[in-house]
Amino acid sequence: MQNKKIVVTGGAGFLGSHLVSHLIEKGNNVTILDDFSHGKELHLKKLEKNPNLKVIKGDVSRLEDVKKAFENCQIVFHLAVLDLRQSIKEPQRVNDVIVNGTLNCLSVSRNNNIELFVNCSSSETFGSARYIPMDEKHPLFPETPYAASKVAQDMYTFSFGRTYGLPWTTVRPFNMYGPHSHWQEFRGELIPKMIVRAMNKKPLVIFGEGNQTRDFIYVEDAAKGILDVVNSKSCISNSVNICTSKETSIRKIAELICHEFSLDPDVYIQKQAPRPGDVMRHLGDNSKFKQITGYTPKTTIEEGIRKTVAWFKSLPFTPEELLKQEVLRSWE
């Protein structure tokens, strides 16, 4: 994918900022549409003077913002989202952004006759695993307002393909981590929150015994994998899991982070009551991903944690300043 006019909604966010970097490296002209509620200008600092990047501050739930950003574009990467924890607090707002925002993006894409609409879904649409590993045929069983909104997003994307002939592909990343991940307030994610606490020599809290497992994929691997999927002709009208097919326990994650900071896990890992509705196993099947692209995620969990720690240490904040923005029980 080269020399294309591309829009990335949510392009200043966690995954979006990595995708934007790769797209610009390939010589594409990229427009970001982001309201900067989750995305950060800091994520785009290395690109801020690049003539091939245009940033529009706007909201996908506002049709006029979408029309402005999508003008003359050929390909859309739709990543704009509000997160799971916010969906528990503000389900209507999350529905506005995810569902109505997707409808706006699809409608404008259809009217503009774009070449491809890349829909970024989530493994949360699967809910608790009915079988392991979860392939693309796994039933959709949304257990949170966020997941329900993402299912609606996927279904609207599919329906625009069937009804209007809009070319689409859906990519479904599993548990991503790495540079640009969120640690702040209710947006905070497991690995960055633990790293911030370790930087301040605070207990790394696990809820329950820490035996819960997840399929963690380093964000750079996810971004490269998504682009490989999109570059494949067989991606059209297809959904693809973006994952490693390897599971790691939450306890293991905490131990690896302790190791990076020379902390004793027996002292610094603290157990608290299980989180309500927590999923015990979440493991994806990446067979289709590998078949389409030939790509295998290369970053081990140990290497990925090390790189993520290095990024946090490079931020222009003291450990104490980072900790002030962290909320332990972010779902409450």
C-alpha atoms as a PDB file:
ATOM      1  CA  MET A   1       0.000   0.000   0.000  1.00  0.00           C
ATOM      2  CA  GLN A   2       1.826   3.057  -1.313  1.00  0.00           C
ATOM      3  CA  ASN A   3       1.006   6.558  -2.543  1.00  0.00           C
ATOM      4  CA  LYS A   4      -2.586   6.375  -1.311  1.00  0.00           C
ATOM      5  CA  LYS A   5      -4.735   9.030   0.328  1.00  0.00           C
ATOM      6  CA  ILE A   6      -5.674   7.448   3.635  1.00  0.00           C
ATOM      7  CA  VAL A   7      -7.802   8.501   6.595  1.00  0.00           C
ATOM      8  CA  VAL A   8      -7.162   7.006  10.035  1.00  0.00           C
ATOM      9  CA  THR A   9      -9.889   7.750  12.569  1.00  0.00           C
ATOM     10  CA  GLY A  10      -8.429   7.645  16.065  1.00  0.00           C
ATOM     11  CA  GLY A  11      -5.010   8.055  14.474  1.00  0.00           C
ATOM     12  CA  ALA A  12      -3.484   9.789  17.509  1.00  0.00           C
ATOM     13  CA  GLY A  13      -4.380   6.870  19.760  1.00  0.00           C
ATOM     14  CA  PHE A  14      -2.529   3.759  20.885  1.00  0.00           C
ATOM     15  CA  LEU A  15      -2.739   1.520  17.811  1.00  0.00           C
ATOM     16  CA  GLY A  16      -3.624   4.357  15.443  1.00  0.00           C
ATOM     17  CA  SER A  17      -0.396   6.288  15.968  1.00  0.00           C
ATOM     18  CA  HIS A  18       1.666   3.193  15.137  1.00  0.00           C
ATOM     19  CA  LEU A  19      -0.374   2.518  11.996  1.00  0.00           C
ATOM     20  CA  VAL A  20       0.020   6.133  10.889  1.00  0.00           C
ATOM     21  CA  SER A  21       3.822   5.916  11.237  1.00  0.00           C
ATOM     22  CA  HIS A  22       3.975   2.822   9.028  1.00  0.00           C
ATOM     23  CA  LEU A  23       1.597   4.278   6.432  1.00  0.00           C
ATOM     24  CA  ILE A  24       3.667   7.460   6.118  1.00  0.00           C
ATOM     25  CA  GLU A  25       6.892   5.442   5.864  1.00  0.00           C
ATOM     26  CA  LYS A  26       5.356   3.789   2.786  1.00  0.00           C
ATOM     27  CA  GLY A  27       4.822   7.163   1.118  1.00  0.00           C
ATOM     28  CA  ASN A  28       1.098   7.524   1.736  1.00  0.00           C
ATOM     29  CA  ASN A  29      -0.698  10.797   2.458  1.00  0.00           C
ATOM     30  CA  VAL A  30      -2.473  10.357   5.782  1.00  0.00           C
ATOM     31  CA  THR A  31      -5.231  12.387   7.396  1.00  0.00           C
ATOM     32  CA  ILE A  32      -5.967  11.762  11.064  1.00  0.00           C
ATOM     33  CA  LEU A  33      -9.434  12.422  12.478  1.00  0.00           C
ATOM     34  CA  ASP A  34      -9.218  12.390  16.276  1.00  0.00           C
ATOM     35  CA  ASP A  35     -10.941  14.277  19.090  1.00  0.00           C
ATOM     36  CA  PHE A  36      -7.875  13.760  21.348  1.00  0.00           C
ATOM     37  CA  SER A  37      -9.964  12.424  24.231  1.00  0.00           C
ATOM     38  CA  HIS A  38      -7.751   9.302  24.169  1.00  0.00           C
ATOM     39  CA  GLY A  39      -5.212  10.176  21.499  1.00  0.00           C
ATOM     40  CA  LYS A  40      -2.242  12.362  22.403  1.00  0.00           C
ATOM     41  CA  GLU A  41      -0.203  14.877  20.416  1.00  0.00           C
ATOM     42  CA  LEU A  42       2.836  13.314  22.112  1.00  0.00           C
ATOM     43  CA  HIS A  43       2.223  10.137  20.070  1.00  0.00           C
ATOM     44  CA  LEU A  44       2.631  12.117  16.842  1.00  0.00           C
ATOM     45  CA  LYS A  45       5.631  14.229  17.842  1.00  0.00           C
ATOM     46  CA  LYS A  46       8.055  12.504  15.455  1.00  0.00           C
ATOM     47  CA  LEU A  47       5.638  13.121  12.582  1.00  0.00           C
ATOM     48  CA  GLU A  48       4.451  16.647  13.366  1.00  0.00           C
ATOM     49  CA  LYS A  49       6.492  18.306  10.600  1.00  0.00           C
ATOM     50  CA  ASN A  50       5.898  15.604   7.995  1.00  0.00           C
ATOM     51  CA  PRO A  51       4.225  17.134   4.908  1.00  0.00           C
ATOM     52  CA  ASN A  52       2.339  13.879   4.249  1.00  0.00           C
ATOM     53  CA  LEU A  53       0.412  14.109   7.529  1.00  0.00           C
ATOM     54  CA  LYS A  54      -2.689  16.193   8.160  1.00  0.00           C
ATOM     55  CA  VAL A  55      -4.411  16.230  11.549  1.00  0.00           C
ATOM     56  CA  ILE A  56      -8.058  17.223  11.944  1.00  0.00           C
ATOM     57  CA  LYS A  57      -9.419  17.583  15.447  1.00  0.00           C
ATOM     58  CA  GLY A  58     -12.947  16.260  15.218  1.00  0.00           C
ATOM     59  CA  ASP A  59     -15.445  13.648  16.354  1.00  0.00           C
ATOM     60  CA  VAL A  60     -16.665  10.710  14.255  1.00  0.00           C
ATOM     61  CA  SER A  61     -20.104  11.094  15.831  1.00  0.00           C
ATOM     62  CA  ARG A  62     -20.396  14.466  14.025  1.00  0.00           C
ATOM     63  CA  LEU A  63     -21.158  13.879  10.357  1.00  0.00           C
ATOM     64  CA  GLU A  64     -19.660  17.177   9.189  1.00  0.00           C
ATOM     65  CA  ASP A  65     -16.311  16.315  10.799  1.00  0.00           C
ATOM     66  CA  VAL A  66     -16.284  12.987   8.966  1.00  0.00           C
ATOM     67  CA  LYS A  67     -17.153  14.590   5.619  1.00  0.00           C
ATOM     68  CA  LYS A  68     -14.318  17.085   6.029  1.00  0.00           C
ATOM     69  CA  ALA A  69     -11.721  14.445   6.903  1.00  0.00           C
ATOM     70  CA  PHE A  70     -12.788  11.909   4.244  1.00  0.00           C
ATOM     71  CA  GLU A  71     -12.656  14.325   1.319  1.00  0.00           C
ATOM     72  CA  ASN A  72     -10.763  12.743  -1.618  1.00  0.00           C
ATOM     73  CA  CYS A  73      -9.603   9.764   0.463  1.00  0.00           C
ATOM     74  CA  GLN A  74      -9.123   6.292  -1.040  1.00  0.00           C
ATOM     75  CA  ILE A  75      -8.780   4.060   2.033  1.00  0.00           C
ATOM     76  CA  VAL A  76     -10.192   4.369   5.553  1.00  0.00           C
ATOM     77  CA  PHE A  77      -8.779   2.774   8.706  1.00  0.00           C
ATOM     78  CA  HIS A  78     -11.571   3.145  11.262  1.00  0.00           C
ATOM     79  CA  LEU A  79     -10.071   2.966  14.768  1.00  0.00           C
ATOM     80  CA  ALA A  80     -11.920   5.743  16.627  1.00  0.00           C
ATOM     81  CA  VAL A  81     -13.319   4.349  19.863  1.00  0.00           C
ATOM     82  CA  LEU A  82     -14.103   4.938  23.505  1.00  0.00           C
ATOM     83  CA  ASP A  83     -12.961   2.174  25.815  1.00  0.00           C
ATOM     84  CA  LEU A  84     -14.561  -0.616  27.791  1.00  0.00           C
ATOM     85  CA  ARG A  85     -14.242   1.069  31.161  1.00  0.00           C
ATOM     86  CA  GLN A  86     -15.867   4.247  29.879  1.00  0.00           C
ATOM     87  CA  SER A  87     -18.723   2.179  28.434  1.00  0.00           C
ATOM     88  CA  ILE A  88     -19.630   1.049  31.948  1.00  0.00           C
ATOM     89  CA  LYS A  89     -19.791   4.655  33.131  1.00  0.00           C
ATOM     90  CA  GLU A  90     -21.239   6.265  29.988  1.00  0.00           C
ATOM     91  CA  PRO A  91     -22.872   3.648  27.722  1.00  0.00           C
ATOM     92  CA  GLN A  92     -24.826   6.203  25.683  1.00  0.00           C
ATOM     93  CA  ARG A  93     -21.755   8.305  24.883  1.00  0.00           C
ATOM     94  CA  VAL A  94     -19.817   5.195  23.904  1.00  0.00           C
ATOM     95  CA  ASN A  95     -22.702   4.124  21.655  1.00  0.00           C
ATOM     96  CA  ASP A  96     -22.672   7.573  20.008  1.00  0.00           C
ATOM     97  CA  VAL A  97     -18.986   7.294  19.156  1.00  0.00           C
ATOM     98  CA  ILE A  98     -18.715   3.611  18.259  1.00  0.00           C
ATOM     99  CA  VAL A  99     -22.079   2.890  16.618  1.00  0.00           C
ATOM    100  CA  ASN A 100     -23.218   6.257  15.271  1.00  0.00           C
ATOM    101  CA  GLY A 101     -19.630   7.205  14.476  1.00  0.00           C
ATOM    102  CA  THR A 102     -19.201   4.015  12.456  1.00  0.00           C
ATOM    103  CA  LEU A 103     -22.437   4.709  10.576  1.00  0.00           C
ATOM    104  CA  ASN A 104     -21.153   8.166   9.699  1.00  0.00           C
ATOM    105  CA  CYS A 105     -17.835   6.755   8.487  1.00  0.00           C
ATOM    106  CA  LEU A 106     -19.500   4.010   6.450  1.00  0.00           C
ATOM    107  CA  SER A 107     -22.033   6.380   4.886  1.00  0.00           C
ATOM    108  CA  VAL A 108     -19.411   8.909   3.817  1.00  0.00           C
ATOM    109  CA  SER A 109     -17.117   6.112   2.584  1.00  0.00           C
ATOM    110  CA  ARG A 110     -19.937   4.715   0.466  1.00  0.00           C
ATOM    111  CA  ASN A 111     -20.770   8.116  -1.017  1.00  0.00           C
ATOM    112  CA  ASN A 112     -17.084   8.753  -1.771  1.00  0.00           C
ATOM    113  CA  ASN A 113     -16.615   5.348  -3.466  1.00  0.00           C
ATOM    114  CA  ILE A 114     -13.563   4.492  -1.377  1.00  0.00           C
ATOM    115  CA  GLU A 115     -11.368   1.540  -2.328  1.00  0.00           C
ATOM    116  CA  LEU A 116     -11.381  -0.141   1.103  1.00  0.00           C
ATOM    117  CA  PHE A 117     -12.904   0.364   4.553  1.00  0.00           C
ATOM    118  CA  VAL A 118     -10.755  -1.260   7.258  1.00  0.00           C
ATOM    119  CA  ASN A 119     -12.899  -1.869  10.330  1.00  0.00           C
ATOM    120  CA  CYS A 120     -10.931  -2.295  13.562  1.00  0.00           C
ATOM    121  CA  SER A 121     -12.955  -4.534  15.852  1.00  0.00           C
ATOM    122  CA  SER A 122     -11.987  -6.110  19.188  1.00  0.00           C
ATOM    123  CA  SER A 123     -11.663  -9.580  20.680  1.00  0.00           C
ATOM    124  CA  GLU A 124     -14.089  -8.305  23.345  1.00  0.00           C
ATOM    125  CA  THR A 125     -16.876  -9.084  20.860  1.00  0.00           C
ATOM    126  CA  PHE A 126     -16.291 -12.787  21.594  1.00  0.00           C
ATOM    127  CA  GLY A 127     -16.917 -12.407  25.335  1.00  0.00           C
ATOM    128  CA  SER A 128     -15.928 -15.380  27.499  1.00  0.00           C
ATOM    129  CA  ALA A 129     -14.490 -18.154  25.365  1.00  0.00           C
ATOM    130  CA  ARG A 130     -16.885 -20.916  24.313  1.00  0.00           C
ATOM    131  CA  TYR A 131     -13.841 -22.840  23.106  1.00  0.00           C
ATOM    132  CA  ILE A 132     -10.079 -22.319  23.023  1.00  0.00           C
ATOM    133  CA  PRO A 133      -8.427 -21.039  20.903  1.00  0.00           C
ATOM    134  CA  MET A 134     -11.043 -18.652  19.520  1.00  0.00           C
ATOM    135  CA  ASP A 135     -11.107 -18.482  15.737  1.00  0.00           C
ATOM    136  CA  GLU A 136     -13.049 -16.077  13.521  1.00  0.00           C
ATOM    137  CA  LYS A 137     -16.109 -18.355  13.642  1.00  0.00           C
ATOM    138  CA  HIS A 138     -16.364 -18.098  17.435  1.00  0.00           C
ATOM    139  CA  PRO A 139     -19.829 -16.841  18.454  1.00  0.00           C
ATOM    140  CA  LEU A 140     -20.132 -13.146  19.247  1.00  0.00           C
ATOM    141  CA  PHE A 141     -21.232 -12.799  22.869  1.00  0.00           C
ATOM    142  CA  PRO A 142     -20.830  -9.197  24.055  1.00  0.00           C
ATOM    143  CA  GLU A 143     -20.785  -8.917  27.846  1.00  0.00           C
ATOM    144  CA  THR A 144     -20.246  -5.149  28.225  1.00  0.00           C
ATOM    145  CA  PRO A 145     -21.763  -2.062  26.567  1.00  0.00           C
ATOM    146  CA  TYR A 146     -18.403  -1.587  24.832  1.00  0.00           C
ATOM    147  CA  ALA A 147     -18.484  -5.074  23.330  1.00  0.00           C
ATOM    148  CA  ALA A 148     -22.130  -4.664  22.296  1.00  0.00           C
ATOM    149  CA  SER A 149     -21.245  -1.431  20.487  1.00  0.00           C
ATOM    150  CA  LYS A 150     -18.308  -3.121  18.740  1.00  0.00           C
ATOM    151  CA  VAL A 151     -20.569  -5.968  17.579  1.00  0.00           C
ATOM    152  CA  ALA A 152     -22.938  -3.363  16.120  1.00  0.00           C
ATOM    153  CA  GLN A 153     -19.936  -1.721  14.430  1.00  0.00           C
ATOM    154  CA  ASP A 154     -18.950  -5.045  12.861  1.00  0.00           C
ATOM    155  CA  MET A 155     -22.489  -5.801  11.711  1.00  0.00           C
ATOM    156  CA  TYR A 156     -22.953  -2.377  10.140  1.00  0.00           C
ATOM    157  CA  THR A 157     -19.658  -2.801   8.291  1.00  0.00           C
ATOM    158  CA  PHE A 158     -20.753  -6.213   7.004  1.00  0.00           C
ATOM    159  CA  SER A 159     -24.186  -4.896   6.011  1.00  0.00           C
ATOM    160  CA  PHE A 160     -22.757  -1.975   4.022  1.00  0.00           C
ATOM    161  CA  GLY A 161     -20.714  -4.512   2.095  1.00  0.00           C
ATOM    162  CA  ARG A 162     -23.741  -6.665   1.338  1.00  0.00           C
ATOM    163  CA  THR A 163     -26.212  -3.841   0.679  1.00  0.00           C
ATOM    164  CA  TYR A 164     -24.070  -1.236  -1.075  1.00  0.00           C
ATOM    165  CA  GLY A 165     -21.041  -3.199  -2.253  1.00  0.00           C
ATOM    166  CA  LEU A 166     -18.645  -1.280   0.005  1.00  0.00           C
ATOM    167  CA  PRO A 167     -15.253  -3.069   0.039  1.00  0.00           C
ATOM    168  CA  TRP A 168     -14.367  -3.872   3.656  1.00  0.00           C
ATOM    169  CA  THR A 169     -12.202  -5.962   5.919  1.00  0.00           C
ATOM    170  CA  THR A 170     -12.477  -6.415   9.686  1.00  0.00           C
ATOM    171  CA  VAL A 171      -9.380  -6.903  11.828  1.00  0.00           C
ATOM    172  CA  ARG A 172      -9.855  -8.074  15.397  1.00  0.00           C
ATOM    173  CA  PRO A 173      -6.837  -7.379  17.641  1.00  0.00           C
ATOM    174  CA  PHE A 174      -6.513  -9.228  20.933  1.00  0.00           C
ATOM    175  CA  ASN A 175      -4.796  -7.741  24.017  1.00  0.00           C
ATOM    176  CA  MET A 176      -2.339  -5.157  22.683  1.00  0.00           C
ATOM    177  CA  TYR A 177       0.391  -3.545  24.763  1.00  0.00           C
ATOM    178  CA  GLY A 178       3.445  -1.401  24.131  1.00  0.00           C
ATOM    179  CA  PRO A 179       4.451   2.258  23.640  1.00  0.00           C
ATOM    180  CA  HIS A 180       1.597   4.810  23.598  1.00  0.00           C
ATOM    181  CA  SER A 181      -0.610   2.564  25.748  1.00  0.00           C
ATOM    182  CA  HIS A 182      -2.910   4.155  28.318  1.00  0.00           C
ATOM    183  CA  TRP A 183      -2.224   4.234  32.034  1.00  0.00           C
ATOM    184  CA  GLN A 184      -4.331   7.278  32.902  1.00  0.00           C
ATOM    185  CA  GLU A 185      -7.511   7.283  34.983  1.00  0.00           C
ATOM    186  CA  PHE A 186     -10.281   4.873  33.915  1.00  0.00           C
ATOM    187  CA  ARG A 187      -8.607   4.411  30.517  1.00  0.00           C
ATOM    188  CA  GLY A 188      -5.656   2.642  32.131  1.00  0.00           C
ATOM    189  CA  GLU A 189      -4.750  -0.827  30.864  1.00  0.00           C
ATOM    190  CA  LEU A 190      -3.182  -3.687  32.802  1.00  0.00           C
ATOM    191  CA  ILE A 191       0.449  -3.620  31.658  1.00  0.00           C
ATOM    192  CA  PRO A 192       1.000   0.172  31.626  1.00  0.00           C
ATOM    193  CA  LYS A 193      -0.712   0.524  35.012  1.00  0.00           C
ATOM    194  CA  MET A 194       1.590  -2.120  36.495  1.00  0.00           C
ATOM    195  CA  ILE A 195       4.655  -0.457  34.984  1.00  0.00           C
ATOM    196  CA  VAL A 196       3.740   2.929  36.460  1.00  0.00           C
ATOM    197  CA  ARG A 197       3.240   1.346  39.875  1.00  0.00           C
ATOM    198  CA  ALA A 198       6.570  -0.491  39.628  1.00  0.00           C
ATOM    199  CA  MET A 199       8.334   2.763  38.684  1.00  0.00           C
ATOM    200  CA  ASN A 200       7.075   4.163  41.990  1.00  0.00           C
ATOM    201  CA  LYS A 201       7.799   0.977  43.977  1.00  0.00           C
ATOM    202  CA  LYS A 202       4.096   0.535  44.677  1.00  0.00           C
ATOM    203  CA  PRO A 203       2.394  -2.884  44.873  1.00  0.00           C
ATOM    204  CA  LEU A 204       1.454  -4.480  41.568  1.00  0.00           C
ATOM    205  CA  VAL A 205      -2.138  -5.514  42.168  1.00  0.00           C
ATOM    206  CA  ILE A 206      -3.649  -8.651  40.671  1.00  0.00           C
ATOM    207  CA  PHE A 207      -7.319  -9.387  41.124  1.00  0.00           C
ATOM    208  CA  GLY A 208      -7.796 -12.960  42.292  1.00  0.00           C
ATOM    209  CA  GLU A 209      -4.891 -15.389  42.000  1.00  0.00           C
ATOM    210  CA  GLY A 210      -3.603 -13.935  38.733  1.00  0.00           C
ATOM    211  CA  ASN A 211      -4.266 -17.188  36.887  1.00  0.00           C
ATOM    212  CA  GLN A 212      -6.311 -15.386  34.252  1.00  0.00           C
ATOM    213  CA  THR A 213      -4.619 -15.670  30.852  1.00  0.00           C
ATOM    214  CA  ARG A 214      -4.631 -13.348  27.862  1.00  0.00           C
ATOM    215  CA  ASP A 215      -3.273 -13.393  24.319  1.00  0.00           C
ATOM    216  CA  PHE A 216      -0.967 -10.368  24.491  1.00  0.00           C
ATOM    217  CA  ILE A 217       0.330  -8.931  21.218  1.00  0.00           C
ATOM    218  CA  TYR A 218       2.924  -6.159  21.016  1.00  0.00           C
ATOM    219  CA  VAL A 219       1.406  -3.127  19.306  1.00  0.00           C
ATOM    220  CA  GLU A 220       4.087  -2.892  16.605  1.00  0.00           C
ATOM    221  CA  ASP A 221       3.409  -6.516  15.653  1.00  0.00           C
ATOM    222  CA  ALA A 222      -0.320  -5.767  15.559  1.00  0.00           C
ATOM    223  CA  ALA A 223       0.180  -2.713  13.327  1.00  0.00           C
ATOM    224  CA  LYS A 224       2.447  -4.570  10.892  1.00  0.00           C
ATOM    225  CA  GLY A 225       0.076  -7.527  10.870  1.00  0.00           C
ATOM    226  CA  ILE A 226      -2.944  -5.352  10.089  1.00  0.00           C
ATOM    227  CA  LEU A 227      -1.122  -3.739   7.162  1.00  0.00           C
ATOM    228  CA  ASP A 228      -0.111  -7.167   5.849  1.00  0.00           C
ATOM    229  CA  VAL A 229      -3.750  -8.285   6.022  1.00  0.00           C
ATOM    230  CA  VAL A 230      -4.923  -5.180   4.158  1.00  0.00           C
ATOM    231  CA  ASN A 231      -2.251  -5.657   1.475  1.00  0.00           C
ATOM    232  CA  SER A 232      -3.606  -9.134   0.744  1.00  0.00           C
ATOM    233  CA  LYS A 233      -6.274  -9.509  -1.959  1.00  0.00           C
ATOM    234  CA  SER A 234      -8.035 -12.137   0.147  1.00  0.00           C
ATOM    235  CA  CYS A 235      -8.760  -9.613   2.907  1.00  0.00           C
ATOM    236  CA  ILE A 236     -11.864  -8.242   1.150  1.00  0.00           C
ATOM    237  CA  SER A 237     -15.111  -9.223   2.923  1.00  0.00           C
ATOM    238  CA  ASN A 238     -13.086 -11.091   5.541  1.00  0.00           C
ATOM    239  CA  SER A 239     -12.610 -10.898   9.312  1.00  0.00           C
ATOM    240  CA  VAL A 240      -9.164 -11.707  10.703  1.00  0.00           C
ATOM    241  CA  ASN A 241      -7.903 -12.202  14.261  1.00  0.00           C
ATOM    242  CA  ILE A 242      -4.719 -10.260  15.062  1.00  0.00           C
ATOM    243  CA  CYS A 243      -3.098 -12.292  17.838  1.00  0.00           C
ATOM    244  CA  THR A 244      -0.190 -14.547  18.801  1.00  0.00           C
ATOM    245  CA  SER A 245      -2.034 -17.768  19.758  1.00  0.00           C
ATOM    246  CA  LYS A 246       0.029 -17.771  22.964  1.00  0.00           C
ATOM    247  CA  GLU A 247      -1.432 -17.179  26.406  1.00  0.00           C
ATOM    248  CA  THR A 248       0.282 -15.522  29.352  1.00  0.00           C
ATOM    249  CA  SER A 249      -1.076 -15.307  32.885  1.00  0.00           C
ATOM    250  CA  ILE A 250      -1.595 -12.006  34.654  1.00  0.00           C
ATOM    251  CA  ARG A 251       0.688 -13.299  37.419  1.00  0.00           C
ATOM    252  CA  LYS A 252       3.452 -13.881  34.849  1.00  0.00           C
ATOM    253  CA  ILE A 253       3.062 -10.326  33.535  1.00  0.00           C
ATOM    254  CA  ALA A 254       3.441  -8.930  37.058  1.00  0.00           C
ATOM    255  CA  GLU A 255       6.548 -11.068  37.631  1.00  0.00           C
ATOM    256  CA  LEU A 256       8.167  -9.879  34.383  1.00  0.00           C
ATOM    257  CA  ILE A 257       7.561  -6.246  35.300  1.00  0.00           C
ATOM    258  CA  CYS A 258       8.998  -6.820  38.788  1.00  0.00           C
ATOM    259  CA  HIS A 259      12.091  -8.313  37.144  1.00  0.00           C
ATOM    260  CA  GLU A 260      12.575  -5.189  34.973  1.00  0.00           C
ATOM    261  CA  PHE A 261      12.680  -3.034  38.122  1.00  0.00           C
ATOM    262  CA  SER A 262      14.613  -5.513  40.321  1.00  0.00           C
ATOM    263  CA  LEU A 263      11.612  -5.882  42.634  1.00  0.00           C
ATOM    264  CA  ASP A 264      10.875  -9.038  44.634  1.00  0.00           C
ATOM    265  CA  PRO A 265       7.578 -10.480  43.273  1.00  0.00           C
ATOM    266  CA  ASP A 266       6.761 -12.024  46.662  1.00  0.00           C
ATOM    267  CA  VAL A 267       6.872  -8.551  48.193  1.00  0.00           C
ATOM    268  CA  TYR A 268       5.485  -6.350  45.424  1.00  0.00           C
ATOM    269  CA  ILE A 269       2.708  -8.483  43.911  1.00  0.00           C
ATOM    270  CA  GLN A 270      -0.467  -7.947  45.904  1.00  0.00           C
ATOM    271  CA  LYS A 271      -3.689  -9.935  45.559  1.00  0.00           C
ATOM    272  CA  GLN A 272      -7.096  -8.338  45.857  1.00  0.00           C
ATOM    273  CA  ALA A 273     -10.651  -9.612  45.424  1.00  0.00           C
ATOM    274  CA  PRO A 274     -11.444 -10.814  41.890  1.00  0.00           C
ATOM    275  CA  ARG A 275     -12.777  -8.256  39.441  1.00  0.00           C
ATOM    276  CA  PRO A 276     -16.502  -8.734  38.715  1.00  0.00           C
ATOM    277  CA  GLY A 277     -17.146 -10.725  35.546  1.00  0.00           C
ATOM    278  CA  ASP A 278     -13.464 -11.253  34.795  1.00  0.00           C
ATOM    279  CA  VAL A 279     -12.687 -13.679  31.959  1.00  0.00           C
ATOM    280  CA  MET A 280     -10.367 -16.529  32.969  1.00  0.00           C
ATOM    281  CA  ARG A 281      -9.008 -17.475  29.520  1.00  0.00           C
ATOM    282  CA  HIS A 282      -8.805 -15.384  26.360  1.00  0.00           C
ATOM    283  CA  LEU A 283      -6.755 -16.996  23.602  1.00  0.00           C
ATOM    284  CA  GLY A 284      -7.033 -16.342  19.888  1.00  0.00           C
ATOM    285  CA  ASP A 285      -6.429 -18.579  16.888  1.00  0.00           C
ATOM    286  CA  ASN A 286      -4.167 -16.807  14.386  1.00  0.00           C
ATOM    287  CA  SER A 287      -4.193 -19.542  11.712  1.00  0.00           C
ATOM    288  CA  LYS A 288      -6.166 -17.399   9.260  1.00  0.00           C
ATOM    289  CA  PHE A 289      -3.895 -14.420   9.961  1.00  0.00           C
ATOM    290  CA  LYS A 290      -0.796 -16.489   9.112  1.00  0.00           C
ATOM    291  CA  GLN A 291      -2.458 -18.109   6.086  1.00  0.00           C
ATOM    292  CA  ILE A 292      -3.388 -14.739   4.545  1.00  0.00           C
ATOM    293  CA  THR A 293      -0.155 -12.894   5.320  1.00  0.00           C
ATOM    294  CA  GLY A 294       2.540 -15.429   6.163  1.00  0.00           C
ATOM    295  CA  TYR A 295       3.296 -13.104   9.069  1.00  0.00           C
ATOM    296  CA  THR A 296       4.022 -14.299  12.593  1.00  0.00           C
ATOM    297  CA  PRO A 297       4.263 -11.809  15.496  1.00  0.00           C
ATOM    298  CA  LYS A 298       7.956 -11.662  16.378  1.00  0.00           C
ATOM    299  CA  THR A 299       8.087  -9.902  19.749  1.00  0.00           C
ATOM    300  CA  THR A 300       8.198 -12.189  22.778  1.00  0.00           C
ATOM    301  CA  ILE A 301       6.312 -11.097  25.872  1.00  0.00           C
ATOM    302  CA  GLU A 302       9.646 -10.607  27.679  1.00  0.00           C
ATOM    303  CA  GLU A 303      11.035  -8.373  24.927  1.00  0.00           C
ATOM    304  CA  GLY A 304       7.764  -6.480  24.599  1.00  0.00           C
ATOM    305  CA  ILE A 305       7.612  -5.726  28.324  1.00  0.00           C
ATOM    306  CA  ARG A 306      11.227  -4.521  28.197  1.00  0.00           C
ATOM    307  CA  LYS A 307      10.465  -2.164  25.282  1.00  0.00           C
ATOM    308  CA  THR A 308       7.328  -0.865  26.980  1.00  0.00           C
ATOM    309  CA  VAL A 309       9.231  -0.143  30.200  1.00  0.00           C
ATOM    310  CA  ALA A 310      11.882   1.722  28.179  1.00  0.00           C
ATOM    311  CA  TRP A 311       9.182   3.873  26.569  1.00  0.00           C
ATOM    312  CA  PHE A 312       7.668   4.782  29.925  1.00  0.00           C
ATOM    313  CA  LYS A 313      11.100   5.753  31.235  1.00  0.00           C
ATOM    314  CA  SER A 314      11.551   8.037  28.207  1.00  0.00           C
ATOM    315  CA  LEU A 315       8.375  10.055  28.858  1.00  0.00           C
ATOM    316  CA  PRO A 316       8.769  13.705  29.949  1.00  0.00           C
ATOM    317  CA  PHE A 317       7.161  12.981  33.317  1.00  0.00           C
ATOM    318  CA  THR A 318       8.520  11.918  36.684  1.00  0.00           C
ATOM    319  CA  PRO A 319       7.328   8.570  38.064  1.00  0.00           C
ATOM    320  CA  GLU A 320       5.336  10.513  40.655  1.00  0.00           C
ATOM    321  CA  GLU A 321       3.563  12.523  37.939  1.00  0.00           C
ATOM    322  CA  LEU A 322       2.671   9.328  36.104  1.00  0.00           C
ATOM    323  CA  LEU A 323       1.304   7.758  39.281  1.00  0.00           C
ATOM    324  CA  LYS A 324      -0.992  10.713  39.959  1.00  0.00           C
ATOM    325  CA  GLN A 325      -2.911   9.852  36.774  1.00  0.00           C
ATOM    326  CA  GLU A 326      -3.253   6.138  37.566  1.00  0.00           C
ATOM    327  CA  VAL A 327      -6.487   4.722  39.030  1.00  0.00           C
ATOM    328  CA  LEU A 328      -6.257   1.248  40.544  1.00  0.00           C
ATOM    329  CA  ARG A 329      -9.863   0.044  40.204  1.00  0.00           C
ATOM    330  CA  SER A 330     -10.625   1.760  36.900  1.00  0.00           C
ATOM    331  CA  TRP A 331     -13.972   0.046  36.311  1.00  0.00           C
ATOM    332  CA  GLU A 332     -15.643   1.483  39.422  1.00  0.00           C
END
